[in-house]
N, C-alpha and C. Protein backbone atom coordinates (compact mmCIF):
# COMPACT_ATOMS: atom_id res chain seq x y z
N MET A 1 -3.40 5.16 15.44
CA MET A 1 -3.00 4.28 14.45
C MET A 1 -1.49 4.37 14.31
N LYS A 2 -0.87 3.24 14.07
CA LYS A 2 0.54 3.22 14.06
C LYS A 2 0.97 3.67 12.54
N ALA A 3 1.92 4.57 12.49
CA ALA A 3 2.51 5.09 11.21
C ALA A 3 3.45 4.20 10.67
N ILE A 4 3.42 3.77 9.36
CA ILE A 4 4.35 2.97 8.71
C ILE A 4 4.86 3.59 7.44
N SER A 5 5.89 3.13 6.99
CA SER A 5 6.55 3.71 5.65
C SER A 5 5.79 3.07 4.41
N GLY A 6 6.11 3.61 3.37
CA GLY A 6 5.53 3.12 2.15
C GLY A 6 6.14 1.75 1.79
N LYS A 7 7.39 1.49 2.10
CA LYS A 7 8.05 0.18 1.99
C LYS A 7 7.34 -0.86 2.76
N ALA A 8 7.15 -0.54 4.05
CA ALA A 8 6.42 -1.54 4.87
C ALA A 8 4.97 -1.85 4.44
N PHE A 9 4.29 -0.76 4.00
CA PHE A 9 2.91 -1.02 3.45
C PHE A 9 2.93 -1.80 2.17
N ALA A 10 3.91 -1.64 1.36
CA ALA A 10 4.09 -2.43 0.09
C ALA A 10 4.28 -3.91 0.43
N LYS A 11 5.07 -4.24 1.48
CA LYS A 11 5.32 -5.57 1.89
C LYS A 11 4.07 -6.18 2.44
N LEU A 12 3.33 -5.42 3.18
CA LEU A 12 1.99 -5.88 3.69
C LEU A 12 0.97 -6.12 2.54
N LEU A 13 1.01 -5.25 1.53
CA LEU A 13 0.14 -5.51 0.35
C LEU A 13 0.47 -6.91 -0.33
N GLU A 14 1.75 -7.15 -0.51
CA GLU A 14 2.28 -8.32 -1.16
C GLU A 14 1.88 -9.57 -0.33
N LYS A 15 2.01 -9.37 0.93
CA LYS A 15 1.56 -10.47 1.89
C LYS A 15 0.08 -10.79 1.76
N ASN A 16 -0.78 -9.74 1.32
CA ASN A 16 -2.21 -10.05 1.27
C ASN A 16 -2.65 -10.26 -0.11
N GLY A 17 -1.68 -10.66 -1.01
CA GLY A 17 -2.18 -11.11 -2.40
C GLY A 17 -2.13 -10.01 -3.48
N TRP A 18 -1.67 -8.89 -3.19
CA TRP A 18 -1.46 -7.81 -4.22
C TRP A 18 -0.06 -8.06 -4.91
N THR A 19 -0.03 -7.79 -6.19
CA THR A 19 1.19 -7.85 -6.90
C THR A 19 1.63 -6.53 -7.53
N LEU A 20 2.93 -6.35 -7.60
CA LEU A 20 3.47 -5.16 -8.17
C LEU A 20 3.35 -5.18 -9.64
N ARG A 21 2.57 -4.23 -10.17
CA ARG A 21 2.30 -4.17 -11.65
C ARG A 21 3.42 -3.37 -12.40
N ARG A 22 3.71 -2.10 -11.85
CA ARG A 22 4.79 -1.37 -12.44
C ARG A 22 5.17 -0.40 -11.45
N THR A 23 6.22 0.40 -11.86
CA THR A 23 6.73 1.50 -11.07
C THR A 23 6.87 2.62 -11.89
N LYS A 24 6.37 3.78 -11.26
CA LYS A 24 6.59 5.12 -12.16
C LYS A 24 7.11 6.08 -11.05
N GLY A 25 8.46 6.30 -11.25
CA GLY A 25 9.09 7.23 -10.31
C GLY A 25 9.18 6.55 -8.95
N SER A 26 8.74 7.27 -7.92
CA SER A 26 8.72 6.65 -6.65
C SER A 26 7.40 6.03 -6.15
N HIS A 27 6.45 5.94 -7.19
CA HIS A 27 5.20 5.29 -6.86
C HIS A 27 5.00 3.90 -7.43
N HIS A 28 4.69 2.95 -6.55
CA HIS A 28 4.61 1.50 -6.95
C HIS A 28 3.12 1.30 -7.15
N ILE A 29 2.70 0.69 -8.26
CA ILE A 29 1.30 0.42 -8.61
C ILE A 29 1.06 -1.06 -8.35
N TYR A 30 0.13 -1.31 -7.43
CA TYR A 30 -0.25 -2.83 -7.07
C TYR A 30 -1.57 -3.10 -7.61
N VAL A 31 -1.82 -4.39 -8.08
CA VAL A 31 -3.16 -4.83 -8.61
C VAL A 31 -3.36 -6.26 -8.00
N ARG A 32 -4.61 -6.62 -8.03
CA ARG A 32 -5.01 -7.97 -7.41
C ARG A 32 -5.80 -8.64 -8.49
N GLN A 33 -5.61 -9.93 -8.64
CA GLN A 33 -6.24 -10.71 -9.66
C GLN A 33 -7.82 -10.67 -9.33
N GLY A 34 -8.58 -10.37 -10.28
CA GLY A 34 -10.11 -10.33 -10.21
C GLY A 34 -10.59 -9.00 -9.52
N ASN A 35 -9.80 -8.09 -9.25
CA ASN A 35 -10.19 -6.79 -8.64
C ASN A 35 -9.73 -5.69 -9.56
N PRO A 36 -10.73 -4.85 -9.98
CA PRO A 36 -10.37 -3.77 -10.88
C PRO A 36 -9.71 -2.67 -10.33
N VAL A 37 -9.43 -2.60 -8.99
CA VAL A 37 -8.76 -1.43 -8.37
C VAL A 37 -7.29 -1.48 -8.43
N ARG A 38 -6.68 -0.40 -8.57
CA ARG A 38 -5.26 -0.34 -8.61
C ARG A 38 -4.89 0.56 -7.32
N ILE A 39 -3.78 0.20 -6.72
CA ILE A 39 -3.30 0.92 -5.48
C ILE A 39 -1.93 1.53 -5.82
N SER A 40 -1.89 2.82 -5.62
CA SER A 40 -0.56 3.57 -5.88
C SER A 40 0.08 3.83 -4.47
N VAL A 41 1.22 3.23 -4.19
CA VAL A 41 1.88 3.46 -2.97
C VAL A 41 3.08 4.33 -3.20
N PRO A 42 3.12 5.52 -2.59
CA PRO A 42 4.34 6.40 -2.60
C PRO A 42 5.43 5.86 -1.75
N ILE A 43 6.66 5.55 -2.35
CA ILE A 43 7.73 5.09 -1.47
C ILE A 43 8.91 6.06 -1.58
N HIS A 44 8.90 6.72 -0.47
CA HIS A 44 9.97 7.78 -0.33
C HIS A 44 10.99 7.44 0.86
N GLY A 45 11.78 6.53 0.55
CA GLY A 45 12.72 6.16 1.67
C GLY A 45 11.94 5.45 2.74
N ASN A 46 12.27 5.86 3.90
CA ASN A 46 11.59 5.27 5.14
C ASN A 46 10.71 6.31 5.84
N ASN A 47 10.33 7.32 4.96
CA ASN A 47 9.28 8.36 5.50
C ASN A 47 7.99 7.73 5.83
N PRO A 48 7.33 7.87 6.89
CA PRO A 48 6.02 7.40 7.02
C PRO A 48 4.93 7.97 6.21
N LEU A 49 3.88 7.13 5.84
CA LEU A 49 2.89 7.61 5.07
C LEU A 49 1.97 8.57 5.91
N LYS A 50 1.31 9.51 5.42
CA LYS A 50 0.47 10.36 6.17
C LYS A 50 -0.80 9.56 6.48
N ILE A 51 -1.39 9.81 7.61
CA ILE A 51 -2.50 9.15 8.22
C ILE A 51 -3.73 9.03 7.30
N GLY A 52 -4.08 10.10 6.66
CA GLY A 52 -5.23 10.04 5.78
C GLY A 52 -5.02 9.13 4.57
N LEU A 53 -3.88 9.20 3.99
CA LEU A 53 -3.43 8.29 2.89
C LEU A 53 -3.43 6.84 3.35
N LEU A 54 -2.86 6.60 4.49
CA LEU A 54 -2.77 5.23 4.97
C LEU A 54 -4.05 4.65 5.21
N LYS A 55 -5.06 5.42 5.82
CA LYS A 55 -6.43 4.83 6.05
C LYS A 55 -7.16 4.62 4.63
N HIS A 56 -6.91 5.49 3.84
CA HIS A 56 -7.57 5.29 2.43
C HIS A 56 -7.02 4.00 1.75
N LEU A 57 -5.73 3.88 1.79
CA LEU A 57 -5.04 2.75 1.15
C LEU A 57 -5.51 1.39 1.83
N MET A 58 -5.58 1.41 3.22
CA MET A 58 -6.02 0.30 3.96
C MET A 58 -7.49 -0.07 3.59
N LYS A 59 -8.33 0.89 3.48
CA LYS A 59 -9.73 0.63 3.11
C LYS A 59 -9.83 0.04 1.69
N VAL A 60 -9.18 0.61 0.77
CA VAL A 60 -9.16 0.08 -0.58
C VAL A 60 -8.71 -1.33 -0.60
N ALA A 61 -7.61 -1.56 0.07
CA ALA A 61 -6.89 -2.90 -0.03
C ALA A 61 -7.64 -3.98 0.91
N GLY A 62 -8.62 -3.51 1.75
CA GLY A 62 -9.31 -4.41 2.66
C GLY A 62 -8.34 -4.98 3.72
N ILE A 63 -7.50 -4.04 4.24
CA ILE A 63 -6.60 -4.40 5.31
C ILE A 63 -7.04 -3.83 6.58
N ASP A 64 -7.06 -4.66 7.67
CA ASP A 64 -7.55 -4.17 9.01
C ASP A 64 -6.33 -3.49 9.70
N GLU A 65 -6.69 -2.54 10.60
CA GLU A 65 -5.67 -1.87 11.42
C GLU A 65 -4.80 -2.83 12.23
N SER A 66 -5.37 -4.02 12.71
CA SER A 66 -4.69 -4.90 13.52
C SER A 66 -3.53 -5.61 12.79
N GLU A 67 -3.56 -5.52 11.49
CA GLU A 67 -2.39 -6.16 10.67
C GLU A 67 -1.12 -5.34 10.57
N LEU A 68 -1.27 -4.01 10.95
CA LEU A 68 -0.08 -3.20 10.93
C LEU A 68 0.77 -3.67 11.99
């Protein structure tokens, strides 16, 4: 799996219909219309997200690995 940064994942979420609801510190909270789930993306510069967290966020957001 390709490692990507929190910034890049946030852009991917926005491309897939998620909107930024609020920011608390370095965590950006994304929501989607009609979906009760919130996604919290840690954005720490250009540091890559850990693989386990990335897989979890992708599963919750419904994003396939081929979209990375």
